[in-house]
């Protein structure tokens, strides 16, 4: 079922930032996508109750490419990509995106904290 991207706005982008702050204290994973990193990622999303389809690692890595330089437009594109390719609600999308960004592309996410 295709949903509209209406809920992916400033509140969701803000939620991603909040998740990033929380996840950054949980993960000390390198940005290199290797088997150990993938397992950590899968473990953390499972701990948060996020079920993101058959290939969450691939979804996360593609999300990072869509994120671009991490600006507002890139974040919007990345969140829309997750929305279009999962059955997650807005909270699940925010959680998944925050964890994925922290694990696979922390350099693209600005923490203006």
N, C-alpha and C. Protein backbone atom coordinates (compact mmCIF):
# COMPACT_ATOMS: atom_id res chain seq x y z
N UNK A 1 0.84 -1.17 0.00
CA UNK A 1 0.00 0.00 0.00
C UNK A 1 0.89 1.23 0.00
N UNK A 2 0.66 2.13 -0.89
CA UNK A 2 1.46 3.35 -1.00
C UNK A 2 0.81 4.45 -0.16
N UNK A 3 1.59 5.04 0.70
CA UNK A 3 1.10 6.12 1.55
C UNK A 3 1.65 7.44 1.04
N UNK A 4 1.01 8.49 1.44
CA UNK A 4 1.52 9.81 1.07
C UNK A 4 2.66 10.18 1.99
N UNK A 5 3.48 11.11 1.55
CA UNK A 5 4.64 11.54 2.33
C UNK A 5 4.30 12.72 3.23
N UNK A 6 3.02 12.94 3.47
CA UNK A 6 2.62 14.11 4.24
C UNK A 6 3.24 14.16 5.62
N UNK A 7 3.35 13.01 6.29
CA UNK A 7 3.82 13.04 7.67
C UNK A 7 5.33 13.21 7.74
N UNK A 8 6.02 13.10 6.63
CA UNK A 8 7.46 13.28 6.67
C UNK A 8 7.75 14.77 6.50
N UNK A 9 7.78 15.43 7.60
CA UNK A 9 8.03 16.85 7.60
C UNK A 9 9.01 17.21 8.69
N UNK A 10 8.89 18.41 9.16
CA UNK A 10 9.80 18.92 10.17
C UNK A 10 9.79 18.08 11.44
N UNK A 11 8.61 17.62 11.87
CA UNK A 11 8.53 16.80 13.09
C UNK A 11 9.31 15.50 12.92
N UNK A 12 9.19 14.86 11.76
CA UNK A 12 9.89 13.62 11.53
C UNK A 12 11.39 13.86 11.44
N UNK A 13 11.80 14.91 10.77
CA UNK A 13 13.22 15.24 10.68
C UNK A 13 13.76 15.51 12.08
N UNK A 14 13.00 16.21 12.90
CA UNK A 14 13.41 16.45 14.28
C UNK A 14 13.50 15.15 15.06
N UNK A 15 12.59 14.24 14.81
CA UNK A 15 12.61 12.94 15.49
C UNK A 15 13.85 12.15 15.10
N UNK A 16 14.25 12.24 13.84
CA UNK A 16 15.47 11.57 13.41
C UNK A 16 16.66 12.12 14.19
N UNK A 17 16.72 13.43 14.36
CA UNK A 17 17.82 14.04 15.13
C UNK A 17 17.82 13.52 16.56
N UNK A 18 16.66 13.41 17.17
CA UNK A 18 16.57 12.90 18.54
C UNK A 18 17.02 11.45 18.62
N UNK A 19 16.62 10.64 17.64
CA UNK A 19 17.05 9.25 17.63
C UNK A 19 18.56 9.16 17.46
N UNK A 20 19.11 10.02 16.62
CA UNK A 20 20.56 10.01 16.42
C UNK A 20 21.30 10.26 17.72
N UNK A 21 20.82 11.20 18.50
CA UNK A 21 21.47 11.49 19.77
C UNK A 21 21.40 10.29 20.71
N UNK A 22 20.27 9.60 20.75
CA UNK A 22 20.12 8.43 21.59
C UNK A 22 20.98 7.28 21.10
N UNK A 23 20.93 7.01 19.80
CA UNK A 23 21.64 5.89 19.23
C UNK A 23 23.15 6.10 19.31
N UNK A 24 23.61 7.32 19.20
CA UNK A 24 25.05 7.56 19.24
C UNK A 24 25.66 7.13 20.57
N UNK A 25 24.87 7.12 21.63
CA UNK A 25 25.39 6.65 22.91
C UNK A 25 25.34 5.13 23.01
N UNK A 26 24.50 4.49 22.20
CA UNK A 26 24.36 3.03 22.23
C UNK A 26 25.39 2.37 21.32
N UNK A 27 25.67 3.00 20.19
CA UNK A 27 26.55 2.40 19.20
C UNK A 27 27.92 3.08 19.19
N UNK A 28 28.92 2.29 19.08
CA UNK A 28 30.25 2.81 18.83
C UNK A 28 30.78 2.10 17.60
N UNK A 29 29.90 1.86 16.63
CA UNK A 29 30.23 1.09 15.44
C UNK A 29 30.99 1.93 14.43
N UNK A 30 31.93 1.31 13.73
CA UNK A 30 32.63 2.03 12.67
C UNK A 30 31.70 2.27 11.49
N UNK A 31 32.03 3.23 10.65
CA UNK A 31 31.20 3.53 9.50
C UNK A 31 31.41 2.53 8.37
N UNK A 32 32.39 1.68 8.49
CA UNK A 32 32.67 0.69 7.46
C UNK A 32 31.61 -0.41 7.51
N UNK A 33 31.05 -0.70 6.33
CA UNK A 33 29.99 -1.70 6.26
C UNK A 33 30.62 -3.08 6.15
N UNK A 34 30.80 -3.74 7.27
CA UNK A 34 31.29 -5.11 7.28
C UNK A 34 30.29 -5.98 8.03
N UNK A 35 30.58 -7.24 8.11
CA UNK A 35 29.63 -8.18 8.71
C UNK A 35 29.33 -7.84 10.17
N UNK A 36 30.34 -7.47 10.94
CA UNK A 36 30.13 -7.12 12.34
C UNK A 36 29.24 -5.88 12.46
N UNK A 37 29.50 -4.89 11.63
CA UNK A 37 28.69 -3.68 11.63
C UNK A 37 27.25 -4.01 11.26
N UNK A 38 27.08 -4.83 10.24
CA UNK A 38 25.73 -5.23 9.82
C UNK A 38 24.99 -5.93 10.96
N UNK A 39 25.68 -6.82 11.66
CA UNK A 39 25.06 -7.53 12.77
C UNK A 39 24.68 -6.58 13.90
N UNK A 40 25.55 -5.62 14.19
CA UNK A 40 25.23 -4.62 15.22
C UNK A 40 24.00 -3.83 14.81
N UNK A 41 23.96 -3.42 13.57
CA UNK A 41 22.83 -2.66 13.05
C UNK A 41 21.53 -3.46 13.20
N UNK A 42 21.56 -4.70 12.75
CA UNK A 42 20.36 -5.55 12.83
C UNK A 42 19.93 -5.75 14.28
N UNK A 43 20.90 -5.90 15.16
CA UNK A 43 20.60 -6.08 16.58
C UNK A 43 19.94 -4.84 17.17
N UNK A 44 20.48 -3.66 16.84
CA UNK A 44 19.93 -2.42 17.40
C UNK A 44 18.54 -2.13 16.87
N UNK A 45 18.30 -2.34 15.56
CA UNK A 45 16.95 -2.07 15.07
C UNK A 45 15.96 -3.07 15.67
N UNK A 46 16.41 -4.31 15.89
CA UNK A 46 15.54 -5.29 16.53
C UNK A 46 15.22 -4.87 17.97
N UNK A 47 16.21 -4.37 18.70
CA UNK A 47 15.99 -3.90 20.07
C UNK A 47 14.97 -2.77 20.11
N UNK A 48 14.91 -1.98 19.04
CA UNK A 48 13.96 -0.88 18.96
C UNK A 48 12.63 -1.29 18.33
N UNK A 49 12.49 -2.59 18.02
CA UNK A 49 11.24 -3.10 17.48
C UNK A 49 10.97 -2.71 16.03
N UNK A 50 12.02 -2.42 15.29
CA UNK A 50 11.86 -2.00 13.89
C UNK A 50 12.07 -3.20 12.98
N UNK A 51 11.05 -3.51 12.20
CA UNK A 51 11.13 -4.57 11.21
C UNK A 51 11.03 -3.93 9.84
N UNK A 52 12.15 -3.91 9.13
CA UNK A 52 12.23 -3.16 7.88
C UNK A 52 12.42 -4.06 6.67
N UNK A 53 11.62 -5.09 6.57
CA UNK A 53 11.62 -5.93 5.37
C UNK A 53 12.71 -6.96 5.34
N UNK A 54 12.96 -7.48 4.14
CA UNK A 54 13.88 -8.60 3.94
C UNK A 54 15.35 -8.19 3.92
N UNK A 55 15.65 -6.95 3.61
CA UNK A 55 17.05 -6.51 3.49
C UNK A 55 17.24 -5.16 4.15
N UNK A 56 17.15 -5.10 5.47
CA UNK A 56 17.31 -3.81 6.15
C UNK A 56 18.70 -3.20 5.97
N UNK A 57 19.73 -4.03 5.82
CA UNK A 57 21.07 -3.50 5.60
C UNK A 57 21.13 -2.79 4.25
N UNK A 58 20.62 -3.43 3.22
CA UNK A 58 20.59 -2.80 1.89
C UNK A 58 19.75 -1.53 1.89
N UNK A 59 18.64 -1.58 2.60
CA UNK A 59 17.76 -0.41 2.71
C UNK A 59 18.53 0.74 3.38
N UNK A 60 19.25 0.42 4.44
CA UNK A 60 20.02 1.44 5.17
C UNK A 60 21.12 2.03 4.30
N UNK A 61 21.82 1.18 3.58
CA UNK A 61 22.91 1.66 2.74
C UNK A 61 22.39 2.53 1.59
N UNK A 62 21.28 2.13 1.00
CA UNK A 62 20.69 2.95 -0.06
C UNK A 62 20.17 4.26 0.51
N UNK A 63 19.59 4.21 1.72
CA UNK A 63 19.13 5.44 2.39
C UNK A 63 20.29 6.42 2.53
N UNK A 64 21.46 5.92 2.88
CA UNK A 64 22.62 6.80 3.03
C UNK A 64 23.01 7.45 1.71
N UNK A 65 22.92 6.70 0.62
CA UNK A 65 23.22 7.30 -0.69
C UNK A 65 22.19 8.38 -1.01
N UNK A 66 20.94 8.13 -0.68
CA UNK A 66 19.88 9.11 -0.94
C UNK A 66 20.00 10.33 -0.03
N UNK A 67 20.64 10.16 1.11
CA UNK A 67 20.82 11.24 2.07
C UNK A 67 21.68 12.36 1.50
N UNK A 68 22.51 12.03 0.54
CA UNK A 68 23.37 13.04 -0.06
C UNK A 68 24.30 13.64 0.96
N UNK A 69 24.30 14.97 1.04
CA UNK A 69 25.20 15.66 1.98
C UNK A 69 24.58 15.82 3.37
N UNK A 70 23.39 15.27 3.57
CA UNK A 70 22.76 15.34 4.89
C UNK A 70 21.93 16.58 5.12
N UNK A 71 21.79 17.41 4.11
CA UNK A 71 20.96 18.61 4.25
C UNK A 71 19.49 18.24 4.33
N UNK A 72 18.66 19.25 4.55
CA UNK A 72 17.22 19.02 4.74
C UNK A 72 16.59 18.29 3.56
N UNK A 73 16.96 18.66 2.35
CA UNK A 73 16.40 17.99 1.17
C UNK A 73 16.84 16.53 1.11
N UNK A 74 18.10 16.26 1.45
CA UNK A 74 18.60 14.89 1.47
C UNK A 74 17.90 14.05 2.51
N UNK A 75 17.67 14.63 3.68
CA UNK A 75 16.96 13.91 4.74
C UNK A 75 15.55 13.58 4.28
N UNK A 76 14.88 14.53 3.67
CA UNK A 76 13.52 14.31 3.16
C UNK A 76 13.51 13.18 2.14
N UNK A 77 14.47 13.19 1.22
CA UNK A 77 14.56 12.16 0.19
C UNK A 77 14.81 10.79 0.82
N UNK A 78 15.70 10.73 1.81
CA UNK A 78 16.02 9.47 2.48
C UNK A 78 14.81 8.93 3.24
N UNK A 79 14.10 9.80 3.94
CA UNK A 79 12.92 9.37 4.70
C UNK A 79 11.81 8.89 3.77
N UNK A 80 11.63 9.58 2.68
CA UNK A 80 10.62 9.17 1.69
C UNK A 80 10.98 7.82 1.10
N UNK A 81 12.26 7.59 0.85
CA UNK A 81 12.71 6.30 0.33
C UNK A 81 12.34 5.17 1.30
N UNK A 82 12.62 5.39 2.58
CA UNK A 82 12.27 4.36 3.58
C UNK A 82 10.77 4.15 3.61
N UNK A 83 10.01 5.23 3.59
CA UNK A 83 8.56 5.14 3.62
C UNK A 83 8.04 4.33 2.43
N UNK A 84 8.58 4.59 1.25
CA UNK A 84 8.12 3.93 0.04
C UNK A 84 8.51 2.46 -0.03
N UNK A 85 9.49 2.06 0.76
CA UNK A 85 10.02 0.70 0.66
C UNK A 85 9.81 -0.15 1.91
N UNK A 86 9.01 0.35 2.84
CA UNK A 86 8.70 -0.41 4.06
C UNK A 86 7.24 -0.18 4.43
N UNK A 87 6.81 -0.90 5.44
CA UNK A 87 5.48 -0.69 6.01
C UNK A 87 5.58 0.03 7.35
N UNK A 88 6.70 0.70 7.60
CA UNK A 88 6.91 1.37 8.88
C UNK A 88 6.05 2.62 9.01
N UNK A 89 5.62 2.90 10.24
CA UNK A 89 4.93 4.16 10.50
C UNK A 89 5.98 5.26 10.69
N UNK A 90 5.55 6.48 10.94
CA UNK A 90 6.50 7.59 11.01
C UNK A 90 7.53 7.40 12.12
N UNK A 91 7.11 6.84 13.25
CA UNK A 91 8.07 6.59 14.34
C UNK A 91 9.10 5.54 13.93
N UNK A 92 8.64 4.49 13.28
CA UNK A 92 9.55 3.44 12.80
C UNK A 92 10.52 3.96 11.76
N UNK A 93 10.02 4.82 10.86
CA UNK A 93 10.87 5.42 9.84
C UNK A 93 11.95 6.27 10.50
N UNK A 94 11.56 7.09 11.46
CA UNK A 94 12.51 7.94 12.16
C UNK A 94 13.56 7.12 12.89
N UNK A 95 13.11 6.07 13.57
CA UNK A 95 14.03 5.22 14.32
C UNK A 95 15.00 4.52 13.37
N UNK A 96 14.45 3.92 12.32
CA UNK A 96 15.30 3.22 11.35
C UNK A 96 16.32 4.18 10.74
N UNK A 97 15.86 5.34 10.30
CA UNK A 97 16.75 6.31 9.65
C UNK A 97 17.85 6.77 10.60
N UNK A 98 17.48 7.03 11.83
CA UNK A 98 18.47 7.49 12.80
C UNK A 98 19.54 6.45 13.07
N UNK A 99 19.13 5.22 13.25
CA UNK A 99 20.08 4.14 13.51
C UNK A 99 20.93 3.89 12.27
N UNK A 100 20.29 3.83 11.10
CA UNK A 100 21.02 3.58 9.86
C UNK A 100 22.05 4.66 9.59
N UNK A 101 21.68 5.91 9.80
CA UNK A 101 22.61 7.01 9.57
C UNK A 101 23.80 6.94 10.53
N UNK A 102 23.53 6.62 11.77
CA UNK A 102 24.60 6.53 12.77
C UNK A 102 25.57 5.41 12.43
N UNK A 103 25.07 4.30 11.93
CA UNK A 103 25.91 3.14 11.64
C UNK A 103 26.62 3.27 10.30
N UNK A 104 25.88 3.65 9.25
CA UNK A 104 26.42 3.58 7.90
C UNK A 104 26.87 4.91 7.29
N UNK A 105 26.41 6.02 7.82
CA UNK A 105 26.83 7.30 7.22
C UNK A 105 26.81 8.44 8.23
N UNK A 106 27.49 8.28 9.36
CA UNK A 106 27.45 9.33 10.39
C UNK A 106 28.04 10.65 9.91
N UNK A 107 28.92 10.59 8.93
CA UNK A 107 29.54 11.80 8.39
C UNK A 107 28.54 12.67 7.63
N UNK A 108 27.41 12.10 7.22
CA UNK A 108 26.41 12.85 6.45
C UNK A 108 25.36 13.50 7.32
N UNK A 109 25.39 13.23 8.61
CA UNK A 109 24.37 13.75 9.51
C UNK A 109 25.02 14.77 10.42
N UNK A 110 24.48 15.96 10.38
CA UNK A 110 25.02 17.03 11.20
C UNK A 110 24.34 17.03 12.55
N UNK A 111 25.11 17.01 13.61
CA UNK A 111 24.58 17.12 14.96
C UNK A 111 24.82 18.54 15.44
N UNK A 112 23.81 19.38 15.31
CA UNK A 112 23.94 20.76 15.74
C UNK A 112 23.58 20.91 17.21
N UNK A 113 23.31 19.75 17.85
CA UNK A 113 22.93 19.56 19.18
C UNK A 113 22.78 20.59 20.11
